[in-house]
Structure formats: C-alpha cells, structure tokens
PDB file of N, CA and C in Angstrom:
ATOM      1  N   MET A   1    -140.039 147.381  29.737  1.00  0.00           N
ATOM      2  CA  MET A   1    -139.409 146.479  30.681  1.00  0.00           C
ATOM      3  C   MET A   1    -138.242 145.732  30.055  1.00  0.00           C
ATOM      4  N   SER A   2    -138.379 145.339  28.782  1.00  0.00           N
ATOM      5  CA  SER A   2    -137.288 144.605  28.142  1.00  0.00           C
ATOM      6  C   SER A   2    -136.044 145.473  27.992  1.00  0.00           C
ATOM      7  N   LEU A   3    -136.208 146.788  27.834  1.00  0.00           N
ATOM      8  CA  LEU A   3    -135.067 147.686  27.777  1.00  0.00           C
ATOM      9  C   LEU A   3    -134.332 147.665  29.107  1.00  0.00           C
ATOM     10  N   LEU A   4    -135.075 147.700  30.210  1.00  0.00           N
ATOM     11  CA  LEU A   4    -134.450 147.632  31.523  1.00  0.00           C
ATOM     12  C   LEU A   4    -133.763 146.287  31.735  1.00  0.00           C
ATOM     13  N   SER A   5    -134.380 145.222  31.264  1.00  0.00           N
ATOM     14  CA  SER A   5    -133.750 143.901  31.375  1.00  0.00           C
ATOM     15  C   SER A   5    -132.463 143.851  30.581  1.00  0.00           C
ATOM     16  N   THR A   6    -132.469 144.459  29.431  1.00  0.00           N
ATOM     17  CA  THR A   6    -131.278 144.471  28.601  1.00  0.00           C
ATOM     18  C   THR A   6    -130.162 145.260  29.268  1.00  0.00           C
ATOM     19  N   ILE A   7    -130.509 146.376  29.893  1.00  0.00           N
ATOM     20  CA  ILE A   7    -129.493 147.207  30.524  1.00  0.00           C
ATOM     21  C   ILE A   7    -129.022 146.607  31.844  1.00  0.00           C
ATOM     22  N   PHE A   8    -129.956 146.140  32.667  1.00  0.00           N
ATOM     23  CA  PHE A   8    -129.619 145.725  34.018  1.00  0.00           C
ATOM     24  C   PHE A   8    -129.729 144.234  34.305  1.00  0.00           C
ATOM     25  N   GLY A   9    -130.335 143.485  33.437  1.00  0.00           N
ATOM     26  CA  GLY A   9    -130.683 142.119  33.822  1.00  0.00           C
ATOM     27  C   GLY A   9    -130.083 141.033  32.996  1.00  0.00           C
ATOM     28  N   THR A  10    -130.792 139.943  32.993  1.00  0.00           N
ATOM     29  CA  THR A  10    -130.323 138.704  32.409  1.00  0.00           C
ATOM     30  C   THR A  10    -130.053 138.781  30.919  1.00  0.00           C
ATOM     31  N   SER A  11    -130.797 139.539  30.198  1.00  0.00           N
ATOM     32  CA  SER A  11    -130.623 139.572  28.752  1.00  0.00           C
ATOM     33  C   SER A  11    -129.212 139.956  28.356  1.00  0.00           C
ATOM     34  N   SER A  12    -128.597 140.859  29.113  1.00  0.00           N
ATOM     35  CA  SER A  12    -127.245 141.286  28.776  1.00  0.00           C
ATOM     36  C   SER A  12    -126.203 140.259  29.207  1.00  0.00           C
ATOM     37  N   GLN A  13    -126.581 139.319  30.071  1.00  0.00           N
ATOM     38  CA  GLN A  13    -125.633 138.347  30.580  1.00  0.00           C
ATOM     39  C   GLN A  13    -125.656 137.039  29.802  1.00  0.00           C
ATOM     40  N   GLN A  14    -126.608 136.868  28.914  1.00  0.00           N
ATOM     41  CA  GLN A  14    -126.719 135.621  28.189  1.00  0.00           C
ATOM     42  C   GLN A  14    -126.876 135.908  26.706  1.00  0.00           C
ATOM     43  N   ASP A  15    -126.429 134.972  25.903  1.00  0.00           N
ATOM     44  CA  ASP A  15    -126.703 135.026  24.475  1.00  0.00           C
ATOM     45  C   ASP A  15    -126.827 133.592  23.993  1.00  0.00           C
ATOM     46  N   ASP A  16    -126.834 133.390  22.701  1.00  0.00           N
ATOM     47  CA  ASP A  16    -127.018 132.036  22.176  1.00  0.00           C
ATOM     48  C   ASP A  16    -125.866 131.104  22.524  1.00  0.00           C
ATOM     49  N   ASN A  17    -124.677 131.637  22.741  1.00  0.00           N
ATOM     50  CA  ASN A  17    -123.506 130.808  23.004  1.00  0.00           C
ATOM     51  C   ASN A  17    -123.169 130.681  24.490  1.00  0.00           C
ATOM     52  N   ILE A  18    -123.515 131.670  25.282  1.00  0.00           N
ATOM     53  CA  ILE A  18    -123.145 131.698  26.699  1.00  0.00           C
ATOM     54  C   ILE A  18    -124.409 131.779  27.543  1.00  0.00           C
ATOM     55  N   GLN A  19    -124.522 130.859  28.502  1.00  0.00           N
ATOM     56  CA  GLN A  19    -125.679 130.863  29.396  1.00  0.00           C
ATOM     57  C   GLN A  19    -125.200 130.879  30.838  1.00  0.00           C
ATOM     58  N   LEU A  20    -125.732 131.796  31.614  1.00  0.00           N
ATOM     59  CA  LEU A  20    -125.420 131.911  33.031  1.00  0.00           C
ATOM     60  C   LEU A  20    -126.351 130.979  33.804  1.00  0.00           C
ATOM     61  N   LEU A  21    -125.771 130.097  34.619  1.00  0.00           N
ATOM     62  CA  LEU A  21    -126.564 129.136  35.380  1.00  0.00           C
ATOM     63  C   LEU A  21    -126.452 129.392  36.873  1.00  0.00           C
ATOM     64  N   SER A  22    -127.547 129.173  37.589  1.00  0.00           N
ATOM     65  CA  SER A  22    -127.509 129.239  39.046  1.00  0.00           C
ATOM     66  C   SER A  22    -126.674 128.064  39.553  1.00  0.00           C
ATOM     67  N   ALA A  23    -126.296 128.124  40.814  1.00  0.00           N
ATOM     68  CA  ALA A  23    -125.503 127.043  41.403  1.00  0.00           C
ATOM     69  C   ALA A  23    -126.230 125.704  41.283  1.00  0.00           C
ATOM     70  N   GLU A  24    -127.528 125.702  41.524  1.00  0.00           N
ATOM     71  CA  GLU A  24    -128.302 124.461  41.454  1.00  0.00           C
ATOM     72  C   GLU A  24    -128.360 123.918  40.029  1.00  0.00           C
ATOM     73  N   GLU A  25    -128.592 124.793  39.052  1.00  0.00           N
ATOM     74  CA  GLU A  25    -128.632 124.368  37.646  1.00  0.00           C
ATOM     75  C   GLU A  25    -127.269 123.830  37.207  1.00  0.00           C
ATOM     76  N   PHE A  26    -126.220 124.517  37.615  1.00  0.00           N
ATOM     77  CA  PHE A  26    -124.858 124.109  37.261  1.00  0.00           C
ATOM     78  C   PHE A  26    -124.550 122.736  37.859  1.00  0.00           C
ATOM     79  N   LYS A  27    -124.859 122.583  39.138  1.00  0.00           N
ATOM     80  CA  LYS A  27    -124.601 121.321  39.843  1.00  0.00           C
ATOM     81  C   LYS A  27    -125.346 120.163  39.178  1.00  0.00           C
ATOM     82  N   THR A  28    -126.609 120.366  38.858  1.00  0.00           N
ATOM     83  CA  THR A  28    -127.416 119.336  38.205  1.00  0.00           C
ATOM     84  C   THR A  28    -126.798 118.952  36.861  1.00  0.00           C
ATOM     85  N   ALA A  29    -126.402 119.950  36.083  1.00  0.00           N
ATOM     86  CA  ALA A  29    -125.848 119.684  34.754  1.00  0.00           C
ATOM     87  C   ALA A  29    -124.534 118.913  34.818  1.00  0.00           C
ATOM     88  N   ILE A  30    -123.629 119.319  35.703  1.00  0.00           N
ATOM     89  CA  ILE A  30    -122.324 118.648  35.722  1.00  0.00           C
ATOM     90  C   ILE A  30    -122.384 117.282  36.389  1.00  0.00           C
ATOM     91  N   ASN A  31    -123.392 117.053  37.222  1.00  0.00           N
ATOM     92  CA  ASN A  31    -123.524 115.759  37.887  1.00  0.00           C
ATOM     93  C   ASN A  31    -124.304 114.742  37.059  1.00  0.00           C
ATOM     94  N   SER A  32    -125.107 115.217  36.116  1.00  0.00           N
ATOM     95  CA  SER A  32    -125.934 114.289  35.355  1.00  0.00           C
ATOM     96  C   SER A  32    -125.372 113.994  33.961  1.00  0.00           C
ATOM     97  N   ASN A  33    -124.307 114.652  33.590  1.00  0.00           N
ATOM     98  CA  ASN A  33    -123.712 114.448  32.265  1.00  0.00           C
ATOM     99  C   ASN A  33    -122.192 114.394  32.361  1.00  0.00           C
ATOM    100  N   LYS A  34    -121.584 113.757  31.387  1.00  0.00           N
ATOM    101  CA  LYS A  34    -120.131 113.827  31.255  1.00  0.00           C
ATOM    102  C   LYS A  34    -119.865 115.127  30.502  1.00  0.00           C
ATOM    103  N   VAL A  35    -119.211 116.068  31.173  1.00  0.00           N
ATOM    104  CA  VAL A  35    -119.068 117.398  30.600  1.00  0.00           C
ATOM    105  C   VAL A  35    -117.609 117.845  30.583  1.00  0.00           C
ATOM    106  N   GLN A  36    -117.346 118.870  29.798  1.00  0.00           N
ATOM    107  CA  GLN A  36    -116.070 119.562  29.813  1.00  0.00           C
ATOM    108  C   GLN A  36    -116.201 120.643  30.883  1.00  0.00           C
ATOM    109  N   LEU A  37    -115.521 120.462  32.009  1.00  0.00           N
ATOM    110  CA  LEU A  37    -115.643 121.351  33.163  1.00  0.00           C
ATOM    111  C   LEU A  37    -114.315 122.065  33.387  1.00  0.00           C
ATOM    112  N   ILE A  38    -114.342 123.396  33.296  1.00  0.00           N
ATOM    113  CA  ILE A  38    -113.127 124.189  33.373  1.00  0.00           C
ATOM    114  C   ILE A  38    -113.184 125.144  34.562  1.00  0.00           C
ATOM    115  N   ASP A  39    -112.140 125.078  35.379  1.00  0.00           N
ATOM    116  CA  ASP A  39    -111.947 125.998  36.497  1.00  0.00           C
ATOM    117  C   ASP A  39    -110.886 126.991  36.047  1.00  0.00           C
ATOM    118  N   VAL A  40    -111.243 128.274  35.937  1.00  0.00           N
ATOM    119  CA  VAL A  40    -110.317 129.261  35.399  1.00  0.00           C
ATOM    120  C   VAL A  40    -109.576 130.037  36.496  1.00  0.00           C
ATOM    121  N   ARG A  41    -109.621 129.545  37.727  1.00  0.00           N
ATOM    122  CA  ARG A  41    -108.906 130.181  38.823  1.00  0.00           C
ATOM    123  C   ARG A  41    -107.417 129.840  38.754  1.00  0.00           C
ATOM    124  N   THR A  42    -106.647 130.448  39.627  1.00  0.00           N
ATOM    125  CA  THR A  42    -105.212 130.180  39.681  1.00  0.00           C
ATOM    126  C   THR A  42    -104.984 128.778  40.253  1.00  0.00           C
ATOM    127  N   PRO A  43    -103.814 128.193  39.991  1.00  0.00           N
ATOM    128  CA  PRO A  43    -103.516 126.879  40.580  1.00  0.00           C
ATOM    129  C   PRO A  43    -103.611 126.879  42.109  1.00  0.00           C
ATOM    130  N   ARG A  44    -103.226 127.968  42.734  1.00  0.00           N
ATOM    131  CA  ARG A  44    -103.317 128.064  44.195  1.00  0.00           C
ATOM    132  C   ARG A  44    -104.777 127.984  44.650  1.00  0.00           C
ATOM    133  N   GLU A  45    -105.657 128.717  43.983  1.00  0.00           N
ATOM    134  CA  GLU A  45    -107.088 128.667  44.320  1.00  0.00           C
ATOM    135  C   GLU A  45    -107.637 127.260  44.076  1.00  0.00           C
ATOM    136  N   PHE A  46    -107.232 126.666  42.961  1.00  0.00           N
ATOM    137  CA  PHE A  46    -107.689 125.329  42.581  1.00  0.00           C
ATOM    138  C   PHE A  46    -107.317 124.300  43.649  1.00  0.00           C
ATOM    139  N   LYS A  47    -106.089 124.395  44.174  1.00  0.00           N
ATOM    140  CA  LYS A  47    -105.624 123.446  45.203  1.00  0.00           C
ATOM    141  C   LYS A  47    -106.385 123.582  46.508  1.00  0.00           C
ATOM    142  N   GLN A  48    -106.983 124.745  46.737  1.00  0.00           N
ATOM    143  CA  GLN A  48    -107.744 124.970  47.967  1.00  0.00           C
ATOM    144  C   GLN A  48    -109.129 124.338  47.918  1.00  0.00           C
ATOM    145  N   GLY A  49    -109.517 123.857  46.744  1.00  0.00           N
ATOM    146  CA  GLY A  49    -110.811 123.203  46.589  1.00  0.00           C
ATOM    147  C   GLY A  49    -111.373 123.465  45.216  1.00  0.00           C
ATOM    148  N   ALA A  50    -111.871 122.420  44.594  1.00  0.00           N
ATOM    149  CA  ALA A  50    -112.403 122.538  43.236  1.00  0.00           C
ATOM    150  C   ALA A  50    -113.500 121.496  43.040  1.00  0.00           C
ATOM    151  N   MET A  51    -114.238 121.658  41.973  1.00  0.00           N
ATOM    152  CA  MET A  51    -115.276 120.684  41.630  1.00  0.00           C
ATOM    153  C   MET A  51    -114.624 119.426  41.083  1.00  0.00           C
ATOM    154  N   GLN A  52    -115.249 118.295  41.383  1.00  0.00           N
ATOM    155  CA  GLN A  52    -114.746 117.010  40.916  1.00  0.00           C
ATOM    156  C   GLN A  52    -114.697 116.992  39.390  1.00  0.00           C
ATOM    157  N   ASN A  53    -113.607 116.495  38.851  1.00  0.00           N
ATOM    158  CA  ASN A  53    -113.368 116.347  37.410  1.00  0.00           C
ATOM    159  C   ASN A  53    -113.120 117.663  36.674  1.00  0.00           C
ATOM    160  N   ALA A  54    -112.936 118.764  37.413  1.00  0.00           N
ATOM    161  CA  ALA A  54    -112.632 120.042  36.769  1.00  0.00           C
ATOM    162  C   ALA A  54    -111.172 120.058  36.315  1.00  0.00           C
ATOM    163  N   VAL A  55    -110.943 120.703  35.184  1.00  0.00           N
ATOM    164  CA  VAL A  55    -109.593 120.924  34.666  1.00  0.00           C
ATOM    165  C   VAL A  55    -109.238 122.375  34.965  1.00  0.00           C
ATOM    166  N   ASN A  56    -108.071 122.591  35.533  1.00  0.00           N
ATOM    167  CA  ASN A  56    -107.647 123.945  35.876  1.00  0.00           C
ATOM    168  C   ASN A  56    -106.916 124.587  34.706  1.00  0.00           C
ATOM    169  N   LEU A  57    -107.509 125.652  34.167  1.00  0.00           N
ATOM    170  CA  LEU A  57    -106.889 126.460  33.124  1.00  0.00           C
ATOM    171  C   LEU A  57    -106.885 127.897  33.631  1.00  0.00           C
ATOM    172  N   ASP A  58    -105.772 128.323  34.185  1.00  0.00           N
ATOM    173  CA  ASP A  58    -105.642 129.634  34.806  1.00  0.00           C
ATOM    174  C   ASP A  58    -105.863 130.750  33.783  1.00  0.00           C
ATOM    175  N   PHE A  59    -106.932 131.512  33.954  1.00  0.00           N
ATOM    176  CA  PHE A  59    -107.265 132.586  33.033  1.00  0.00           C
ATOM    177  C   PHE A  59    -106.186 133.665  33.003  1.00  0.00           C
ATOM    178  N   PHE A  60    -105.498 133.871  34.119  1.00  0.00           N
ATOM    179  CA  PHE A  60    -104.454 134.895  34.175  1.00  0.00           C
ATOM    180  C   PHE A  60    -103.192 134.477  33.417  1.00  0.00           C
ATOM    181  N   ASN A  61    -103.035 133.186  33.152  1.00  0.00           N
ATOM    182  CA  ASN A  61    -101.916 132.693  32.354  1.00  0.00           C
ATOM    183  C   ASN A  61    -102.466 132.424  30.949  1.00  0.00           C
ATOM    184  N   GLN A  62    -102.546 133.479  30.152  1.00  0.00           N
ATOM    185  CA  GLN A  62    -103.227 133.396  28.863  1.00  0.00           C
ATOM    186  C   GLN A  62    -102.649 132.348  27.918  1.00  0.00           C
ATOM    187  N   GLN A  63    -101.343 132.155  27.931  1.00  0.00           N
ATOM    188  CA  GLN A  63    -100.739 131.152  27.044  1.00  0.00           C
ATOM    189  C   GLN A  63    -101.218 129.751  27.423  1.00  0.00           C
ATOM    190  N   GLN A  64    -101.156 129.436  28.700  1.00  0.00           N
ATOM    191  CA  GLN A  64    -101.612 128.123  29.186  1.00  0.00           C
ATOM    192  C   GLN A  64    -103.121 127.987  29.001  1.00  0.00           C
ATOM    193  N   PHE A  65    -103.853 129.064  29.251  1.00  0.00           N
ATOM    194  CA  PHE A  65    -105.305 129.041  29.126  1.00  0.00           C
ATOM    195  C   PHE A  65    -105.727 128.713  27.691  1.00  0.00           C
ATOM    196  N   ARG A  66    -105.170 129.441  26.740  1.00  0.00           N
ATOM    197  CA  ARG A  66    -105.513 129.209  25.329  1.00  0.00           C
ATOM    198  C   ARG A  66    -105.075 127.825  24.851  1.00  0.00           C
ATOM    199  N   ALA A  67    -103.908 127.388  25.294  1.00  0.00           N
ATOM    200  CA  ALA A  67    -103.421 126.056  24.908  1.00  0.00           C
ATOM    201  C   ALA A  67    -104.357 124.975  25.437  1.00  0.00           C
ATOM    202  N   GLY A  68    -104.840 125.153  26.660  1.00  0.00           N
ATOM    203  CA  GLY A  68    -105.785 124.197  27.235  1.00  0.00           C
ATOM    204  C   GLY A  68    -107.110 124.185  26.504  1.00  0.00           C
ATOM    205  N   LEU A  69    -107.585 125.361  26.114  1.00  0.00           N
ATOM    206  CA  LEU A  69    -108.842 125.437  25.380  1.00  0.00           C
ATOM    207  C   LEU A  69    -108.751 124.754  24.024  1.00  0.00           C
ATOM    208  N   GLU A  70    -107.598 124.840  23.397  1.00  0.00           N
ATOM    209  CA  GLU A  70    -107.411 124.222  22.077  1.00  0.00           C
ATOM    210  C   GLU A  70    -107.575 122.700  22.126  1.00  0.00           C
ATOM    211  N   LYS A  71    -107.430 122.114  23.300  1.00  0.00           N
ATOM    212  CA  LYS A  71    -107.569 120.660  23.455  1.00  0.00           C
ATOM    213  C   LYS A  71    -109.029 120.228  23.636  1.00  0.00           C
ATOM    214  N   LEU A  72    -109.914 121.195  23.826  1.00  0.00           N
ATOM    215  CA  LEU A  72    -111.332 120.883  24.056  1.00  0.00           C
ATOM    216  C   LEU A  72    -112.099 120.776  22.749  1.00  0.00           C
ATOM    217  N   ASP A  73    -113.220 120.092  22.812  1.00  0.00           N
ATOM    218  CA  ASP A  73    -114.121 119.963  21.667  1.00  0.00           C
ATOM    219  C   ASP A  73    -115.029 121.189  21.631  1.00  0.00           C
ATOM    220  N   LYS A  74    -114.871 122.026  20.619  1.00  0.00           N
ATOM    221  CA  LYS A  74    -115.633 123.267  20.514  1.00  0.00           C
ATOM    222  C   LYS A  74    -117.110 123.031  20.203  1.00  0.00           C
ATOM    223  N   CYS A  75    -117.443 121.837  19.746  1.00  0.00           N
ATOM    224  CA  CYS A  75    -118.836 121.515  19.426  1.00  0.00           C
ATOM    225  C   CYS A  75    -119.605 121.024  20.648  1.00  0.00           C
ATOM    226  N   GLU A  76    -118.893 120.611  21.682  1.00  0.00           N
ATOM    227  CA  GLU A  76    -119.532 120.113  22.906  1.00  0.00           C
ATOM    228  C   GLU A  76    -119.623 121.236  23.939  1.00  0.00           C
ATOM    229  N   PRO A  77    -120.672 121.237  24.758  1.00  0.00           N
ATOM    230  CA  PRO A  77    -120.806 122.276  25.781  1.00  0.00           C
ATOM    231  C   PRO A  77    -119.627 122.280  26.759  1.00  0.00           C
ATOM    232  N   VAL A  78    -119.280 123.474  27.229  1.00  0.00           N
ATOM    233  CA  VAL A  78    -118.228 123.645  28.226  1.00  0.00           C
ATOM    234  C   VAL A  78    -118.836 124.369  29.418  1.00  0.00           C
ATOM    235  N   TYR A  79    -118.554 123.861  30.608  1.00  0.00           N
ATOM    236  CA  TYR A  79    -119.006 124.470  31.848  1.00  0.00           C
ATOM    237  C   TYR A  79    -117.792 125.127  32.488  1.00  0.00           C
ATOM    238  N   VAL A  80    -117.932 126.405  32.835  1.00  0.00           N
ATOM    239  CA  VAL A  80    -116.796 127.179  33.306  1.00  0.00           C
ATOM    240  C   VAL A  80    -117.146 127.917  34.592  1.00  0.00           C
ATOM    241  N   TYR A  81    -116.157 128.001  35.491  1.00  0.00           N
ATOM    242  CA  TYR A  81    -116.356 128.756  36.727  1.00  0.00           C
ATOM    243  C   TYR A  81    -115.038 129.327  37.225  1.00  0.00           C
ATOM    244  N   CYS A  82    -115.155 130.347  38.080  1.00  0.00           N
ATOM    245  CA  CYS A  82    -114.000 130.941  38.744  1.00  0.00           C
ATOM    246  C   CYS A  82    -114.388 131.155  40.210  1.00  0.00           C
ATOM    247  N   HIS A  83    -113.779 132.101  40.864  1.00  0.00           N
ATOM    248  CA  HIS A  83    -114.091 132.329  42.277  1.00  0.00           C
ATOM    249  C   HIS A  83    -115.446 133.015  42.466  1.00  0.00           C
ATOM    250  N   SER A  84    -115.670 134.117  41.743  1.00  0.00           N
ATOM    251  CA  SER A  84    -116.907 134.862  41.964  1.00  0.00           C
ATOM    252  C   SER A  84    -117.680 135.222  40.693  1.00  0.00           C
ATOM    253  N   GLY A  85    -117.185 134.846  39.532  1.00  0.00           N
ATOM    254  CA  GLY A  85    -117.937 135.031  38.299  1.00  0.00           C
ATOM    255  C   GLY A  85    -117.330 135.957  37.269  1.00  0.00           C
ATOM    256  N   GLY A  86    -116.383 136.786  37.653  1.00  0.00           N
ATOM    257  CA  GLY A  86    -115.788 137.734  36.716  1.00  0.00           C
ATOM    258  C   GLY A  86    -114.887 137.097  35.675  1.00  0.00           C
ATOM    259  N   ARG A  87    -113.926 136.308  36.137  1.00  0.00           N
ATOM    260  CA  ARG A  87    -113.000 135.648  35.203  1.00  0.00           C
ATOM    261  C   ARG A  87    -113.723 134.664  34.299  1.00  0.00           C
ATOM    262  N   SER A  88    -114.684 133.942  34.842  1.00  0.00           N
ATOM    263  CA  SER A  88    -115.391 132.957  34.019  1.00  0.00           C
ATOM    264  C   SER A  88    -116.232 133.652  32.947  1.00  0.00           C
ATOM    265  N   ARG A  89    -116.785 134.813  33.272  1.00  0.00           N
ATOM    266  CA  ARG A  89    -117.538 135.589  32.283  1.00  0.00           C
ATOM    267  C   ARG A  89    -116.594 136.014  31.145  1.00  0.00           C
ATOM    268  N   ASN A  90    -115.407 136.505  31.507  1.00  0.00           N
ATOM    269  CA  ASN A  90    -114.421 136.897  30.496  1.00  0.00           C
ATOM    270  C   ASN A  90    -113.934 135.691  29.699  1.00  0.00           C
ATOM    271  N   ALA A  91    -113.731 134.574  30.390  1.00  0.00           N
ATOM    272  CA  ALA A  91    -113.292 133.348  29.714  1.00  0.00           C
ATOM    273  C   ALA A  91    -114.360 132.880  28.724  1.00  0.00           C
ATOM    274  N   ALA A  92    -115.612 132.919  29.132  1.00  0.00           N
ATOM    275  CA  ALA A  92    -116.705 132.497  28.251  1.00  0.00           C
ATOM    276  C   ALA A  92    -116.768 133.376  27.005  1.00  0.00           C
ATOM    277  N   SER A  93    -116.585 134.664  27.172  1.00  0.00           N
ATOM    278  CA  SER A  93    -116.580 135.577  26.019  1.00  0.00           C
ATOM    279  C   SER A  93    -115.432 135.257  25.072  1.00  0.00           C
ATOM    280  N   MET A  94    -114.272 134.966  25.636  1.00  0.00           N
ATOM    281  CA  MET A  94    -113.121 134.603  24.820  1.00  0.00           C
ATOM    282  C   MET A  94    -113.377 133.289  24.083  1.00  0.00           C
ATOM    283  N   MET A  95    -113.998 132.340  24.773  1.00  0.00           N
ATOM    284  CA  MET A  95    -114.302 131.044  24.172  1.00  0.00           C
ATOM    285  C   MET A  95    -115.283 131.207  23.010  1.00  0.00           C
ATOM    286  N   LYS A  96    -116.245 132.098  23.170  1.00  0.00           N
ATOM    287  CA  LYS A  96    -117.187 132.365  22.088  1.00  0.00           C
ATOM    288  C   LYS A  96    -116.432 132.858  20.851  1.00  0.00           C
ATOM    289  N   LYS A  97    -115.503 133.794  21.057  1.00  0.00           N
ATOM    290  CA  LYS A  97    -114.706 134.331  19.950  1.00  0.00           C
ATOM    291  C   LYS A  97    -113.834 133.264  19.305  1.00  0.00           C
ATOM    292  N   MET A  98    -113.447 132.253  20.098  1.00  0.00           N
ATOM    293  CA  MET A  98    -112.616 131.167  19.589  1.00  0.00           C
ATOM    294  C   MET A  98    -113.430 130.095  18.860  1.00  0.00           C
ATOM    295  N   GLY A  99    -114.766 130.229  18.885  1.00  0.00           N
ATOM    296  CA  GLY A  99    -115.603 129.299  18.148  1.00  0.00           C
ATOM    297  C   GLY A  99    -116.308 128.239  18.964  1.00  0.00           C
ATOM    298  N   PHE A 100    -116.273 128.336  20.289  1.00  0.00           N
ATOM    299  CA  PHE A 100    -117.008 127.379  21.107  1.00  0.00           C
ATOM    300  C   PHE A 100    -118.496 127.630  20.919  1.00  0.00           C
ATOM    301  N   GLU A 101    -119.237 126.556  20.702  1.00  0.00           N
ATOM    302  CA  GLU A 101    -120.655 126.685  20.380  1.00  0.00           C
ATOM    303  C   GLU A 101    -121.542 126.952  21.581  1.00  0.00           C
ATOM    304  N   LYS A 102    -121.212 126.365  22.745  1.00  0.00           N
ATOM    305  CA  LYS A 102    -122.079 126.532  23.916  1.00  0.00           C
ATOM    306  C   LYS A 102    -121.235 126.517  25.191  1.00  0.00           C
ATOM    307  N   THR A 103    -121.360 127.586  25.974  1.00  0.00           N
ATOM    308  CA  THR A 103    -120.641 127.697  27.234  1.00  0.00           C
ATOM    309  C   THR A 103    -121.630 128.013  28.342  1.00  0.00           C
ATOM    310  N   TYR A 104    -121.485 127.322  29.456  1.00  0.00           N
ATOM    311  CA  TYR A 104    -122.313 127.549  30.627  1.00  0.00           C
ATOM    312  C   TYR A 104    -121.430 128.109  31.732  1.00  0.00           C
ATOM    313  N   ASP A 105    -121.805 129.263  32.251  1.00  0.00           N
ATOM    314  CA  ASP A 105    -121.029 129.979  33.260  1.00  0.00           C
ATOM    315  C   ASP A 105    -121.764 129.920  34.593  1.00  0.00           C
ATOM    316  N   LEU A 106    -121.043 129.601  35.662  1.00  0.00           N
ATOM    317  CA  LEU A 106    -121.632 129.496  36.992  1.00  0.00           C
ATOM    318  C   LEU A 106    -121.813 130.893  37.593  1.00  0.00           C
ATOM    319  N   LYS A 107    -123.054 131.274  37.814  1.00  0.00           N
ATOM    320  CA  LYS A 107    -123.382 132.582  38.405  1.00  0.00           C
ATOM    321  C   LYS A 107    -122.828 132.661  39.835  1.00  0.00           C
ATOM    322  N   GLY A 108    -122.025 133.683  40.088  1.00  0.00           N
ATOM    323  CA  GLY A 108    -121.468 133.862  41.424  1.00  0.00           C
ATOM    324  C   GLY A 108    -120.230 133.040  41.685  1.00  0.00           C
ATOM    325  N   GLY A 109    -119.843 132.191  40.762  1.00  0.00           N
ATOM    326  CA  GLY A 109    -118.616 131.409  40.885  1.00  0.00           C
ATOM    327  C   GLY A 109    -118.631 130.354  41.970  1.00  0.00           C
ATOM    328  N   PHE A 110    -117.443 129.820  42.223  1.00  0.00           N
ATOM    329  CA  PHE A 110    -117.249 128.741  43.182  1.00  0.00           C
ATOM    330  C   PHE A 110    -117.673 129.164  44.600  1.00  0.00           C
ATOM    331  N   SER A 111    -117.500 130.441  44.913  1.00  0.00           N
ATOM    332  CA  SER A 111    -117.886 130.925  46.250  1.00  0.00           C
ATOM    333  C   SER A 111    -119.403 130.866  46.461  1.00  0.00           C
ATOM    334  N   ASN A 112    -120.166 130.772  45.372  1.00  0.00           N
ATOM    335  CA  ASN A 112    -121.616 130.683  45.428  1.00  0.00           C
ATOM    336  C   ASN A 112    -122.094 129.234  45.328  1.00  0.00           C
ATOM    337  N   TYR A 113    -121.182 128.324  45.055  1.00  0.00           N
ATOM    338  CA  TYR A 113    -121.513 126.931  44.804  1.00  0.00           C
ATOM    339  C   TYR A 113    -121.668 126.198  46.111  1.00  0.00           C
TER     340      TYR A 113
END
C-alpha cells in the first residue's frame, strides 16, 4: 500500500520541507498566526481577489519572484498559493532549493479556498 501511496498519493506530494494543506488547514494556520503569505498568481489574478495580507509574487515573472523571495525569512514558515495548485507546487519546490526550511502549499489553490 505504501508503494501505491508513494506513486499516487500524499507521500509524493509532501516532504520534510513542503506540506500540502487542505483549505481548512490553510485557513486556520494563516488566521491564527502572523505568517509569510505568498500569492504566486499574476497581478491581474491577484487584483480579482486575494487572501488578506498576501504578498503577490508572480511566479511567471521569475526575476520579480526570486527578488521577492530573497526578502523573506527562510527560517520562518511560508504559506503559498496560486489559482489551482500547480504554480504554488512549483514555487514551493523552488523555495526548497533556495533554502526555505518550511513551506505550506494550499491544496487546490485559491479556487478551492
């Protein structure tokens, strides 16, 4: 069963640095703590609606995205989301490579929130 979980399930989506959270878990975490909250959608998507206190770092604009990440505390958890989960998953992987210790990714993105 663990082989199937690794291939198809949660085990492949999470590791020690990146954790996928349900909408409810994500909401609870960002509402109960002062967190680094990153919206990796485009500025146009961000203007159409975003989570309170989110910082917009457009994943498609890699120069701006990386520059914005450099301003964050890599030792503190970062909560990240996009529209449906793809960009935030890629952003979280990039953040791990950049040395971020803990990243929380919203499962299903903003459309699931």
